[in-house]
Amino acid sequence: MIEVFKKALAGLSPSQQAIVTLRDVEGLGSNEVCKVLEISESNMRVLLHRARSKIRSALERYFAGE
């Protein structure tokens, strides 16, 4: 499962990779991520949602045996 996650993360855009890494792996808060990446909170939310959706799809396929 970890390899599927890593592969899905690697398939994201650089900005999506950075946001997922900072928020979900390193545990930074939204405000901190926005400051580090110099983006608005709304942009961060959109990028994070799209990135998580792609990773979730990859993990769902893995657990479904595809």
N, C-alpha and C. Protein backbone atom coordinates (compact mmCIF):
# COMPACT_ATOMS: atom_id res chain seq x y z
N MET A 1 0.81 -1.18 0.00
CA MET A 1 0.00 0.00 0.00
C MET A 1 0.87 1.26 0.00
N ILE A 2 1.96 1.23 0.73
CA ILE A 2 2.85 2.41 0.78
C ILE A 2 3.41 2.70 -0.61
N GLU A 3 3.74 1.66 -1.34
CA GLU A 3 4.28 1.87 -2.70
C GLU A 3 3.22 2.49 -3.61
N VAL A 4 1.98 2.08 -3.46
CA VAL A 4 0.89 2.66 -4.25
C VAL A 4 0.76 4.14 -3.91
N PHE A 5 0.82 4.47 -2.62
CA PHE A 5 0.76 5.86 -2.19
C PHE A 5 1.92 6.66 -2.79
N LYS A 6 3.12 6.12 -2.69
CA LYS A 6 4.30 6.83 -3.22
C LYS A 6 4.19 7.05 -4.72
N LYS A 7 3.72 6.03 -5.43
CA LYS A 7 3.57 6.15 -6.88
C LYS A 7 2.50 7.19 -7.23
N ALA A 8 1.40 7.18 -6.48
CA ALA A 8 0.33 8.17 -6.72
C ALA A 8 0.84 9.58 -6.41
N LEU A 9 1.60 9.72 -5.34
CA LEU A 9 2.17 11.02 -4.98
C LEU A 9 3.12 11.50 -6.06
N ALA A 10 3.93 10.60 -6.59
CA ALA A 10 4.89 10.97 -7.64
C ALA A 10 4.18 11.39 -8.93
N GLY A 11 2.96 10.91 -9.13
CA GLY A 11 2.21 11.25 -10.33
C GLY A 11 1.49 12.59 -10.26
N LEU A 12 1.55 13.24 -9.12
CA LEU A 12 0.90 14.53 -8.96
C LEU A 12 1.78 15.66 -9.50
N SER A 13 1.16 16.81 -9.72
CA SER A 13 1.94 17.99 -10.11
C SER A 13 2.85 18.37 -8.94
N PRO A 14 3.93 19.10 -9.22
CA PRO A 14 4.83 19.50 -8.12
C PRO A 14 4.12 20.27 -7.00
N SER A 15 3.19 21.14 -7.34
CA SER A 15 2.50 21.90 -6.29
C SER A 15 1.60 20.99 -5.46
N GLN A 16 0.94 20.02 -6.09
CA GLN A 16 0.11 19.08 -5.36
C GLN A 16 0.97 18.18 -4.47
N GLN A 17 2.11 17.75 -4.99
CA GLN A 17 3.03 16.94 -4.18
C GLN A 17 3.46 17.70 -2.93
N ALA A 18 3.81 18.96 -3.12
CA ALA A 18 4.28 19.78 -1.99
C ALA A 18 3.19 19.93 -0.94
N ILE A 19 1.96 20.19 -1.38
CA ILE A 19 0.88 20.39 -0.43
C ILE A 19 0.57 19.12 0.34
N VAL A 20 0.47 17.99 -0.35
CA VAL A 20 0.19 16.73 0.34
C VAL A 20 1.32 16.40 1.31
N THR A 21 2.54 16.60 0.90
CA THR A 21 3.68 16.32 1.77
C THR A 21 3.65 17.20 3.01
N LEU A 22 3.43 18.49 2.81
CA LEU A 22 3.43 19.40 3.95
C LEU A 22 2.25 19.17 4.88
N ARG A 23 1.06 18.98 4.32
CA ARG A 23 -0.15 18.83 5.14
C ARG A 23 -0.29 17.44 5.74
N ASP A 24 -0.22 16.42 4.89
CA ASP A 24 -0.58 15.08 5.32
C ASP A 24 0.60 14.24 5.81
N VAL A 25 1.78 14.53 5.33
CA VAL A 25 2.95 13.76 5.77
C VAL A 25 3.65 14.47 6.93
N GLU A 26 3.91 15.77 6.77
CA GLU A 26 4.63 16.50 7.81
C GLU A 26 3.70 17.12 8.85
N GLY A 27 2.41 17.23 8.56
CA GLY A 27 1.44 17.70 9.53
C GLY A 27 1.35 19.20 9.74
N LEU A 28 1.80 19.99 8.78
CA LEU A 28 1.69 21.44 8.91
C LEU A 28 0.24 21.88 8.78
N GLY A 29 -0.08 22.98 9.38
CA GLY A 29 -1.42 23.55 9.28
C GLY A 29 -1.60 24.29 7.97
N SER A 30 -2.84 24.61 7.67
CA SER A 30 -3.16 25.30 6.42
C SER A 30 -2.42 26.62 6.28
N ASN A 31 -2.43 27.41 7.35
CA ASN A 31 -1.75 28.72 7.29
C ASN A 31 -0.26 28.57 7.02
N GLU A 32 0.34 27.58 7.65
CA GLU A 32 1.78 27.36 7.45
C GLU A 32 2.08 26.95 6.01
N VAL A 33 1.24 26.07 5.45
CA VAL A 33 1.43 25.63 4.07
C VAL A 33 1.31 26.81 3.11
N CYS A 34 0.32 27.63 3.34
CA CYS A 34 0.12 28.81 2.48
C CYS A 34 1.33 29.74 2.53
N LYS A 35 1.87 29.94 3.72
CA LYS A 35 3.04 30.80 3.87
C LYS A 35 4.26 30.20 3.18
N VAL A 36 4.49 28.90 3.39
CA VAL A 36 5.65 28.24 2.79
C VAL A 36 5.59 28.27 1.27
N LEU A 37 4.41 27.99 0.73
CA LEU A 37 4.27 27.91 -0.74
C LEU A 37 3.85 29.23 -1.38
N GLU A 38 3.58 30.22 -0.53
CA GLU A 38 3.17 31.55 -1.00
C GLU A 38 1.96 31.47 -1.92
N ILE A 39 0.90 30.81 -1.43
CA ILE A 39 -0.35 30.69 -2.18
C ILE A 39 -1.50 31.07 -1.26
N SER A 40 -2.65 31.34 -1.88
CA SER A 40 -3.84 31.69 -1.10
C SER A 40 -4.42 30.42 -0.47
N GLU A 41 -5.23 30.63 0.57
CA GLU A 41 -5.85 29.49 1.23
C GLU A 41 -6.82 28.77 0.30
N SER A 42 -7.55 29.51 -0.52
CA SER A 42 -8.50 28.87 -1.44
C SER A 42 -7.76 28.04 -2.48
N ASN A 43 -6.63 28.53 -2.97
CA ASN A 43 -5.84 27.76 -3.93
C ASN A 43 -5.29 26.50 -3.28
N MET A 44 -4.84 26.63 -2.03
CA MET A 44 -4.33 25.47 -1.31
C MET A 44 -5.41 24.41 -1.15
N ARG A 45 -6.63 24.84 -0.79
CA ARG A 45 -7.73 23.89 -0.61
C ARG A 45 -8.06 23.15 -1.90
N VAL A 46 -8.08 23.87 -3.03
CA VAL A 46 -8.37 23.25 -4.31
C VAL A 46 -7.29 22.23 -4.68
N LEU A 47 -6.04 22.63 -4.56
CA LEU A 47 -4.93 21.74 -4.90
C LEU A 47 -4.92 20.51 -3.99
N LEU A 48 -5.17 20.71 -2.71
CA LEU A 48 -5.17 19.60 -1.76
C LEU A 48 -6.33 18.64 -2.06
N HIS A 49 -7.50 19.19 -2.35
CA HIS A 49 -8.65 18.34 -2.67
C HIS A 49 -8.37 17.49 -3.91
N ARG A 50 -7.85 18.11 -4.95
CA ARG A 50 -7.56 17.37 -6.19
C ARG A 50 -6.50 16.31 -5.96
N ALA A 51 -5.48 16.66 -5.20
CA ALA A 51 -4.39 15.70 -4.94
C ALA A 51 -4.90 14.52 -4.12
N ARG A 52 -5.66 14.81 -3.07
CA ARG A 52 -6.19 13.72 -2.25
C ARG A 52 -7.14 12.83 -3.05
N SER A 53 -7.91 13.42 -3.95
CA SER A 53 -8.82 12.62 -4.78
C SER A 53 -8.06 11.65 -5.66
N LYS A 54 -6.96 12.12 -6.24
CA LYS A 54 -6.15 11.25 -7.10
C LYS A 54 -5.51 10.12 -6.29
N ILE A 55 -5.00 10.45 -5.12
CA ILE A 55 -4.39 9.43 -4.27
C ILE A 55 -5.46 8.44 -3.79
N ARG A 56 -6.62 8.95 -3.40
CA ARG A 56 -7.71 8.08 -2.96
C ARG A 56 -8.11 7.11 -4.06
N SER A 57 -8.20 7.59 -5.30
CA SER A 57 -8.56 6.72 -6.42
C SER A 57 -7.53 5.60 -6.61
N ALA A 58 -6.26 5.96 -6.51
CA ALA A 58 -5.20 4.95 -6.65
C ALA A 58 -5.30 3.90 -5.55
N LEU A 59 -5.56 4.34 -4.32
CA LEU A 59 -5.68 3.40 -3.21
C LEU A 59 -6.94 2.55 -3.32
N GLU A 60 -8.03 3.13 -3.80
CA GLU A 60 -9.27 2.36 -4.00
C GLU A 60 -9.05 1.25 -5.04
N ARG A 61 -8.33 1.60 -6.12
CA ARG A 61 -8.02 0.58 -7.14
C ARG A 61 -7.16 -0.53 -6.54
N TYR A 62 -6.20 -0.17 -5.72
CA TYR A 62 -5.33 -1.16 -5.07
C TYR A 62 -6.15 -2.10 -4.19
N PHE A 63 -7.02 -1.54 -3.36
CA PHE A 63 -7.80 -2.38 -2.46
C PHE A 63 -8.87 -3.19 -3.19
N ALA A 64 -9.26 -2.72 -4.38
CA ALA A 64 -10.22 -3.48 -5.18
C ALA A 64 -9.54 -4.60 -5.96
N GLY A 65 -8.21 -4.63 -5.89
CA GLY A 65 -7.45 -5.69 -6.57
C GLY A 65 -7.15 -5.42 -8.02
N GLU A 66 -7.26 -4.18 -8.43
CA GLU A 66 -6.99 -3.83 -9.83
C GLU A 66 -5.52 -3.62 -10.07
